[in-house]
Amino acid sequence: MFWKNLGHIFDRGNQYLFAASGVMIIVMMFLMLSDVVARMTGTQVMGSMDIIEYGLLFFTFFGATYVLIKDKHIKMDLMLNYAKPETREIINILTTGIGVILWLAIAFFTAWSTWDAFTSNIILARIIRLPKFVIMAVIPFGSFLLFIESVRRVRNHIERFRVLKREPALRDEESQKPVILDME
């Protein structure tokens, strides 16, 4: 029950981050539009490009975990569609397991770099002067969220594999059903 509630909180938090990334996209769009209009009138919006660049970084890491939770990320599954369900789950376990290792490594090393930027008190030399660690902090944060979701996905794939091994009827129904184009 504890893990289920924690998973619900995790999913809800990622929904909020995804909504925040949508707001960031809208703000960046209006900033870009105002910058274009300002340049046509011979002026400029100070710091707009800085905000847009930072927004690109933030909305990517804020939205990525939610996209993974909803399983709406890009997948190369043409060959998997022809595989037996057990084989499909084994490949999913292996590839998602590689993702677990990679996201943990990225989270660890970028947290280390962020800490170094924090202790060094590095300030970015841009129009909007911010400490470098403020901008960098989103990378280990987002990577750690992706690590957690990847662990959850490995666990789900293992459970599906166990169910397929126990119940042969499910195996026969799902096997050899190719899906050539998924437009959802």
Protein backbone atom coordinates (compact mmCIF):
# COMPACT_ATOMS: atom_id res chain seq x y z
CA MET A 1 0.00 0.00 0.00
CA PHE A 2 2.86 2.39 0.84
CA TRP A 3 4.54 1.85 -2.55
CA LYS A 4 1.26 2.25 -4.41
CA ASN A 5 0.60 5.58 -2.67
CA LEU A 6 4.17 6.69 -3.32
CA GLY A 7 3.76 5.76 -6.98
CA HIS A 8 0.54 7.80 -7.13
CA ILE A 9 2.33 10.82 -5.63
CA PHE A 10 5.19 10.34 -8.12
CA ASP A 11 2.77 10.23 -11.04
CA ARG A 12 0.86 13.28 -9.80
CA GLY A 13 4.08 15.26 -9.35
CA ASN A 14 5.11 14.39 -12.88
CA GLN A 15 1.72 15.57 -14.16
CA TYR A 16 2.40 18.96 -12.56
CA LEU A 17 5.88 19.10 -14.06
CA PHE A 18 4.42 18.23 -17.47
CA ALA A 19 1.85 21.01 -17.10
CA ALA A 20 4.64 23.40 -16.10
CA SER A 21 6.58 22.43 -19.23
CA GLY A 22 3.48 23.24 -21.31
CA VAL A 23 3.30 26.67 -19.70
CA MET A 24 7.01 27.14 -20.42
CA ILE A 25 6.43 26.39 -24.11
CA ILE A 26 3.67 29.01 -24.27
CA VAL A 27 5.85 31.60 -22.48
CA MET A 28 8.76 30.84 -24.82
CA MET A 29 6.47 31.20 -27.84
CA PHE A 30 5.29 34.65 -26.71
CA LEU A 31 8.85 35.69 -25.86
CA MET A 32 10.01 34.67 -29.32
CA LEU A 33 7.09 36.52 -30.92
CA SER A 34 7.77 39.66 -28.88
CA ASP A 35 11.45 39.46 -29.78
CA VAL A 36 10.62 39.26 -33.50
CA VAL A 37 8.20 42.21 -33.26
CA ALA A 38 10.71 44.20 -31.22
CA ARG A 39 13.45 43.63 -33.78
CA MET A 40 11.17 44.85 -36.57
CA THR A 41 10.66 48.08 -34.62
CA GLY A 42 14.39 48.49 -34.00
CA THR A 43 14.40 47.48 -30.33
CA GLN A 44 14.93 44.24 -28.52
CA VAL A 45 13.57 42.37 -25.53
CA MET A 46 16.49 42.05 -23.14
CA GLY A 47 17.10 38.53 -21.89
CA SER A 48 14.41 36.86 -23.98
CA MET A 49 16.86 34.51 -25.68
CA ASP A 50 18.32 33.53 -22.30
CA ILE A 51 14.87 32.67 -20.98
CA ILE A 52 14.05 30.70 -24.13
CA GLU A 53 17.31 28.73 -23.94
CA TYR A 54 16.83 27.94 -20.25
CA GLY A 55 13.19 27.07 -20.91
CA LEU A 56 14.20 24.54 -23.57
CA LEU A 57 16.36 22.74 -21.04
CA PHE A 58 13.75 22.87 -18.28
CA PHE A 59 10.73 21.81 -20.31
CA THR A 60 12.66 18.86 -21.75
CA PHE A 61 13.54 17.43 -18.35
CA PHE A 62 10.21 18.38 -16.75
CA GLY A 63 8.17 16.66 -19.45
CA ALA A 64 10.27 13.60 -20.27
CA THR A 65 9.25 11.46 -17.30
CA TYR A 66 5.54 12.05 -17.86
CA VAL A 67 5.93 11.05 -21.51
CA LEU A 68 7.67 7.85 -20.36
CA ILE A 69 4.94 7.16 -17.78
CA LYS A 70 2.26 7.47 -20.47
CA ASP A 71 4.36 5.32 -22.84
CA LYS A 72 4.13 7.98 -25.58
CA HIS A 73 7.86 8.14 -26.31
CA ILE A 74 9.42 7.13 -29.62
CA LYS A 75 9.88 3.39 -29.87
CA MET A 76 11.59 1.29 -32.50
CA ASP A 77 9.38 -1.74 -32.18
CA LEU A 78 8.94 -2.99 -35.73
CA MET A 79 10.72 -6.27 -34.97
CA LEU A 80 9.15 -6.58 -31.52
CA ASN A 81 5.70 -6.64 -33.07
CA TYR A 82 6.54 -9.97 -34.70
CA ALA A 83 8.17 -11.51 -31.62
CA LYS A 84 6.49 -13.83 -29.16
CA PRO A 85 5.17 -12.04 -26.07
CA GLU A 86 7.79 -13.66 -23.81
CA THR A 87 10.59 -12.60 -26.14
CA ARG A 88 9.12 -9.10 -26.33
CA GLU A 89 9.11 -8.81 -22.55
CA ILE A 90 12.68 -10.12 -22.24
CA ILE A 91 13.88 -7.50 -24.76
CA ASN A 92 11.87 -4.81 -22.93
CA ILE A 93 13.45 -5.87 -19.62
CA LEU A 94 16.96 -5.69 -21.11
CA THR A 95 16.53 -2.36 -22.89
CA THR A 96 14.75 -0.71 -19.99
CA GLY A 97 17.41 -2.12 -17.65
CA ILE A 98 20.06 -0.40 -19.77
CA GLY A 99 18.00 2.79 -19.41
CA VAL A 100 18.03 2.36 -15.62
CA ILE A 101 21.81 2.19 -15.59
CA LEU A 102 22.22 5.13 -17.98
CA TRP A 103 19.76 7.42 -16.18
CA LEU A 104 21.38 6.67 -12.83
CA ALA A 105 24.83 7.41 -14.27
CA ILE A 106 23.63 10.65 -15.85
CA ALA A 107 21.90 11.69 -12.61
CA PHE A 108 25.01 10.93 -10.56
CA PHE A 109 27.56 12.67 -12.77
CA THR A 110 25.41 15.72 -13.47
CA ALA A 111 24.64 16.03 -9.74
CA TRP A 112 28.37 15.98 -9.15
CA SER A 113 28.91 18.72 -11.77
CA THR A 114 26.01 20.74 -10.34
CA TRP A 115 27.50 20.48 -6.86
CA ASP A 116 30.86 21.60 -8.24
CA ALA A 117 29.20 24.63 -9.88
CA PHE A 118 27.45 25.38 -6.58
CA THR A 119 30.61 25.19 -4.46
CA SER A 120 32.61 27.17 -7.05
CA ASN A 121 29.92 29.89 -7.11
CA ILE A 122 30.04 30.13 -10.91
CA ILE A 123 27.83 32.84 -12.38
CA LEU A 124 26.78 32.61 -16.02
CA ALA A 125 27.95 35.58 -18.07
CA ARG A 126 24.67 36.25 -19.84
CA ILE A 127 22.17 39.10 -19.86
CA ILE A 128 20.30 37.30 -17.09
CA ARG A 129 23.05 36.52 -14.59
CA LEU A 130 22.21 33.35 -12.70
CA PRO A 131 24.34 30.92 -10.73
CA LYS A 132 25.25 28.05 -13.06
CA PHE A 133 24.03 25.41 -10.59
CA VAL A 134 20.45 26.76 -10.81
CA ILE A 135 20.34 25.98 -14.52
CA MET A 136 22.26 22.71 -14.20
CA ALA A 137 20.15 21.34 -11.34
CA VAL A 138 17.29 20.36 -13.64
CA ILE A 139 19.46 17.74 -15.38
CA PRO A 140 20.18 15.49 -12.36
CA PHE A 141 16.63 16.09 -11.09
CA GLY A 142 15.02 15.04 -14.38
CA SER A 143 17.47 12.18 -14.86
CA PHE A 144 16.69 10.84 -11.39
CA LEU A 145 12.95 10.96 -12.15
CA LEU A 146 13.62 9.06 -15.39
CA PHE A 147 15.69 6.54 -13.40
CA ILE A 148 12.79 5.96 -10.98
CA GLU A 149 10.27 5.52 -13.80
CA SER A 150 12.64 3.16 -15.63
CA VAL A 151 12.93 1.01 -12.49
CA ARG A 152 9.13 0.91 -12.28
CA ARG A 153 8.94 -0.13 -15.95
CA VAL A 154 11.48 -2.94 -15.47
CA ARG A 155 9.41 -4.23 -12.55
CA ASN A 156 6.24 -4.11 -14.69
CA HIS A 157 7.92 -5.94 -17.58
CA ILE A 158 9.19 -8.63 -15.21
CA GLU A 159 5.67 -9.07 -13.80
CA ARG A 160 4.19 -9.32 -17.32
CA PHE A 161 6.83 -11.89 -18.23
CA ARG A 162 5.93 -13.99 -15.17
CA VAL A 163 2.23 -13.82 -16.03
CA LEU A 164 2.93 -14.90 -19.62
CA LYS A 165 4.97 -17.86 -18.36
CA ARG A 166 2.16 -18.97 -16.00
CA GLU A 167 -0.76 -18.55 -18.41
CA PRO A 168 -0.19 -20.05 -21.88
CA ALA A 169 -3.59 -18.81 -23.13
CA LEU A 170 -2.38 -15.20 -22.97
CA ARG A 171 0.75 -16.18 -24.84
CA ASP A 172 -1.16 -17.67 -27.80
CA GLU A 173 -3.58 -14.74 -28.12
CA GLU A 174 -0.87 -12.09 -28.25
CA SER A 175 1.72 -13.84 -30.39
CA GLN A 176 2.23 -12.99 -34.04
CA LYS A 177 -0.01 -9.93 -34.08
CA PRO A 178 1.96 -7.35 -36.03
CA VAL A 179 1.08 -3.70 -35.60
CA ILE A 180 2.53 -1.90 -38.55
CA LEU A 181 1.44 1.66 -37.77
CA ASP A 182 0.27 2.98 -34.42
CA MET A 183 -1.24 6.45 -34.86
CA GLU A 184 -2.42 6.99 -31.26
